[in-house]
Amino acid sequence: QAQLIESGGGLVQAGGSLTLSCAAPGRTFSNYRMGWFRQAPGKEREFVATILWSAGNTGYANFVEGRFTISRDNAKNTVYLQMNSLKPEDTAVYYCAARTPKTARYYDSQSYDYWGQGTQVTVSS
């Protein structure tokens, strides 16, 4: 019952760009908060970016430093993460997530209800 499907991962050189997609076929997440998280080997899963599907409000982790942009296409039920100026330390499995309205902090991975399978992003030096 995969309701979130990530794509767009791959290998890119440092300084390059990559755009990830998170599709939600067959349903709508218009009342949800969407998030991107990532996990590198030996590290905890960490928050990357979030967006309210309906209103478009966004939030980012400090390490993004203006390099990433989260967006959504309502007609396509798809959330995007555009990543520019990639660094080797950005290498990780990137996950798309969604949660129903709640009061928990949006950077809390445990508050999200649905998760995709993840897509690997590798940045070479």
C-alpha atoms as a PDB file:
ATOM      1  CA  GLN A   1       0.000   0.000   0.000  1.00  0.00           C
ATOM      2  CA  ALA A   2       2.663   2.463  -1.059  1.00  0.00           C
ATOM      3  CA  GLN A   3       1.006   5.856  -0.967  1.00  0.00           C
ATOM      4  CA  LEU A   4       4.242   7.824  -1.366  1.00  0.00           C
ATOM      5  CA  ILE A   5       6.704   7.007  -4.121  1.00  0.00           C
ATOM      6  CA  GLU A   6      10.035   8.804  -4.344  1.00  0.00           C
ATOM      7  CA  SER A   7      12.106   9.120  -7.484  1.00  0.00           C
ATOM      8  CA  GLY A   8      14.922  11.212  -8.889  1.00  0.00           C
ATOM      9  CA  GLY A   9      17.822  10.012  -6.782  1.00  0.00           C
ATOM     10  CA  GLY A  10      21.152   9.207  -8.311  1.00  0.00           C
ATOM     11  CA  LEU A  11      24.805  10.133  -8.549  1.00  0.00           C
ATOM     12  CA  VAL A  12      25.875  13.738  -8.940  1.00  0.00           C
ATOM     13  CA  GLN A  13      29.156  15.596  -8.583  1.00  0.00           C
ATOM     14  CA  ALA A  14      29.718  18.100  -5.815  1.00  0.00           C
ATOM     15  CA  GLY A  15      28.257  21.445  -6.776  1.00  0.00           C
ATOM     16  CA  GLY A  16      25.682  19.831  -9.012  1.00  0.00           C
ATOM     17  CA  SER A  17      21.908  19.694  -8.813  1.00  0.00           C
ATOM     18  CA  LEU A  18      19.266  17.050  -8.412  1.00  0.00           C
ATOM     19  CA  THR A  19      15.486  17.152  -8.110  1.00  0.00           C
ATOM     20  CA  LEU A  20      13.587  14.539  -6.137  1.00  0.00           C
ATOM     21  CA  SER A  21       9.909  13.776  -6.649  1.00  0.00           C
ATOM     22  CA  CYS A  22       7.358  12.334  -4.263  1.00  0.00           C
ATOM     23  CA  ALA A  23       4.216  11.098  -5.958  1.00  0.00           C
ATOM     24  CA  ALA A  24       0.959  10.197  -4.261  1.00  0.00           C
ATOM     25  CA  PRO A  25      -1.005   8.287  -6.879  1.00  0.00           C
ATOM     26  CA  GLY A  26      -4.652   7.506  -6.373  1.00  0.00           C
ATOM     27  CA  ARG A  27      -5.262   9.873  -3.482  1.00  0.00           C
ATOM     28  CA  THR A  28      -4.816  13.399  -2.233  1.00  0.00           C
ATOM     29  CA  PHE A  29      -2.711  14.803   0.598  1.00  0.00           C
ATOM     30  CA  SER A  30      -4.221  18.259   0.334  1.00  0.00           C
ATOM     31  CA  ASN A  31      -4.891  18.435   4.077  1.00  0.00           C
ATOM     32  CA  TYR A  32      -1.485  17.060   5.065  1.00  0.00           C
ATOM     33  CA  ARG A  33       1.941  18.323   5.940  1.00  0.00           C
ATOM     34  CA  MET A  34       4.609  16.884   3.678  1.00  0.00           C
ATOM     35  CA  GLY A  35       8.227  16.431   4.630  1.00  0.00           C
ATOM     36  CA  TRP A  36      11.583  15.354   3.292  1.00  0.00           C
ATOM     37  CA  PHE A  37      13.958  13.517   5.601  1.00  0.00           C
ATOM     38  CA  ARG A  38      17.295  11.873   4.987  1.00  0.00           C
ATOM     39  CA  GLN A  39      19.421   9.209   6.611  1.00  0.00           C
ATOM     40  CA  ALA A  40      23.090   8.522   6.036  1.00  0.00           C
ATOM     41  CA  PRO A  41      24.835   5.323   7.174  1.00  0.00           C
ATOM     42  CA  GLY A  42      25.501   5.386  10.901  1.00  0.00           C
ATOM     43  CA  LYS A  43      23.433   8.518  11.444  1.00  0.00           C
ATOM     44  CA  GLU A  44      19.922   9.207  12.673  1.00  0.00           C
ATOM     45  CA  ARG A  45      17.197  10.219  10.303  1.00  0.00           C
ATOM     46  CA  GLU A  46      17.145  13.987  10.029  1.00  0.00           C
ATOM     47  CA  PHE A  47      14.701  16.589   8.823  1.00  0.00           C
ATOM     48  CA  VAL A  48      15.383  18.348   5.541  1.00  0.00           C
ATOM     49  CA  ALA A  49      12.330  20.346   4.466  1.00  0.00           C
ATOM     50  CA  THR A  50       8.571  20.574   4.884  1.00  0.00           C
ATOM     51  CA  ILE A  51       5.582  22.072   3.133  1.00  0.00           C
ATOM     52  CA  LEU A  52       1.892  22.392   3.870  1.00  0.00           C
ATOM     53  CA  TRP A  53       0.251  20.981   0.786  1.00  0.00           C
ATOM     54  CA  SER A  54      -2.689  23.352   0.814  1.00  0.00           C
ATOM     55  CA  ALA A  55      -1.122  26.645   1.849  1.00  0.00           C
ATOM     56  CA  GLY A  56       2.399  26.110   0.546  1.00  0.00           C
ATOM     57  CA  ASN A  57       4.140  27.246   3.736  1.00  0.00           C
ATOM     58  CA  THR A  58       7.681  25.881   3.852  1.00  0.00           C
ATOM     59  CA  GLY A  59      10.381  25.194   6.394  1.00  0.00           C
ATOM     60  CA  TYR A  60      13.982  24.010   6.104  1.00  0.00           C
ATOM     61  CA  ALA A  61      16.757  22.545   8.192  1.00  0.00           C
ATOM     62  CA  ASN A  62      19.631  24.905   8.926  1.00  0.00           C
ATOM     63  CA  PHE A  63      22.098  22.849   6.913  1.00  0.00           C
ATOM     64  CA  VAL A  64      20.110  23.534   3.750  1.00  0.00           C
ATOM     65  CA  GLU A  65      21.535  27.064   3.746  1.00  0.00           C
ATOM     66  CA  GLY A  66      19.330  28.190   0.878  1.00  0.00           C
ATOM     67  CA  ARG A  67      20.445  25.371  -1.403  1.00  0.00           C
ATOM     68  CA  PHE A  68      17.203  23.370  -1.466  1.00  0.00           C
ATOM     69  CA  THR A  69      13.647  24.253  -2.435  1.00  0.00           C
ATOM     70  CA  ILE A  70      10.555  22.228  -1.578  1.00  0.00           C
ATOM     71  CA  SER A  71       7.431  22.656  -3.680  1.00  0.00           C
ATOM     72  CA  ARG A  72       4.287  20.838  -4.719  1.00  0.00           C
ATOM     73  CA  ASP A  73       2.092  20.447  -7.775  1.00  0.00           C
ATOM     74  CA  ASN A  74      -1.502  20.044  -6.690  1.00  0.00           C
ATOM     75  CA  ALA A  75      -2.682  18.800 -10.071  1.00  0.00           C
ATOM     76  CA  LYS A  76      -0.086  16.019 -10.096  1.00  0.00           C
ATOM     77  CA  ASN A  77      -0.225  15.175  -6.382  1.00  0.00           C
ATOM     78  CA  THR A  78       3.545  15.463  -6.370  1.00  0.00           C
ATOM     79  CA  VAL A  79       6.016  17.087  -3.977  1.00  0.00           C
ATOM     80  CA  TYR A  80       9.481  18.087  -5.153  1.00  0.00           C
ATOM     81  CA  LEU A  81      12.810  18.761  -3.533  1.00  0.00           C
ATOM     82  CA  GLN A  82      15.146  20.730  -5.764  1.00  0.00           C
ATOM     83  CA  MET A  83      18.696  20.457  -4.505  1.00  0.00           C
ATOM     84  CA  ASN A  84      21.461  22.729  -5.746  1.00  0.00           C
ATOM     85  CA  SER A  85      25.099  23.153  -4.762  1.00  0.00           C
ATOM     86  CA  LEU A  86      25.194  19.605  -3.483  1.00  0.00           C
ATOM     87  CA  LYS A  87      27.954  18.536  -1.128  1.00  0.00           C
ATOM     88  CA  PRO A  88      29.362  15.070  -0.396  1.00  0.00           C
ATOM     89  CA  GLU A  89      27.823  15.292   3.074  1.00  0.00           C
ATOM     90  CA  ASP A  90      24.392  15.428   1.424  1.00  0.00           C
ATOM     91  CA  THR A  91      24.838  11.773   0.499  1.00  0.00           C
ATOM     92  CA  ALA A  92      21.989   9.817   2.079  1.00  0.00           C
ATOM     93  CA  VAL A  93      18.748   8.003   1.451  1.00  0.00           C
ATOM     94  CA  TYR A  94      16.049  10.630   1.093  1.00  0.00           C
ATOM     95  CA  TYR A  95      12.528   9.872   2.277  1.00  0.00           C
ATOM     96  CA  CYS A  96       9.236  11.558   1.580  1.00  0.00           C
ATOM     97  CA  ALA A  97       6.730  11.616   4.431  1.00  0.00           C
ATOM     98  CA  ALA A  98       3.249  12.897   5.223  1.00  0.00           C
ATOM     99  CA  ARG A  99       1.229  13.510   8.340  1.00  0.00           C
ATOM    100  CA  THR A 100      -2.270  14.553   9.257  1.00  0.00           C
ATOM    101  CA  PRO A 101      -2.756  17.849  11.096  1.00  0.00           C
ATOM    102  CA  LYS A 102      -1.229  17.730  14.571  1.00  0.00           C
ATOM    103  CA  THR A 103       0.609  19.918  17.050  1.00  0.00           C
ATOM    104  CA  ALA A 104       3.949  18.093  16.985  1.00  0.00           C
ATOM    105  CA  ARG A 105       6.962  19.933  15.615  1.00  0.00           C
ATOM    106  CA  TYR A 106       7.292  19.468  11.883  1.00  0.00           C
ATOM    107  CA  TYR A 107      10.911  18.362  12.178  1.00  0.00           C
ATOM    108  CA  ASP A 108       9.939  15.405  14.377  1.00  0.00           C
ATOM    109  CA  SER A 109      10.156  12.354  12.142  1.00  0.00           C
ATOM    110  CA  GLN A 110       8.094  10.313  14.592  1.00  0.00           C
ATOM    111  CA  SER A 111       5.075  12.539  14.009  1.00  0.00           C
ATOM    112  CA  TYR A 112       4.687  11.529  10.368  1.00  0.00           C
ATOM    113  CA  ASP A 113       2.136   8.894   9.406  1.00  0.00           C
ATOM    114  CA  TYR A 114       3.195   7.793   5.938  1.00  0.00           C
ATOM    115  CA  TRP A 115       6.598   7.165   4.405  1.00  0.00           C
ATOM    116  CA  GLY A 116       7.989   6.320   1.024  1.00  0.00           C
ATOM    117  CA  GLN A 117      10.618   3.686   0.346  1.00  0.00           C
ATOM    118  CA  GLY A 118      13.402   6.215  -0.057  1.00  0.00           C
ATOM    119  CA  THR A 119      15.674   7.192  -2.920  1.00  0.00           C
ATOM    120  CA  GLN A 120      19.465   7.179  -2.797  1.00  0.00           C
ATOM    121  CA  VAL A 121      21.353  10.407  -3.385  1.00  0.00           C
ATOM    122  CA  THR A 122      25.104  10.141  -3.776  1.00  0.00           C
ATOM    123  CA  VAL A 123      27.302  13.208  -4.157  1.00  0.00           C
ATOM    124  CA  SER A 124      30.863  12.598  -5.266  1.00  0.00           C
ATOM    125  CA  SER A 125      33.784  14.882  -4.494  1.00  0.00           C
END
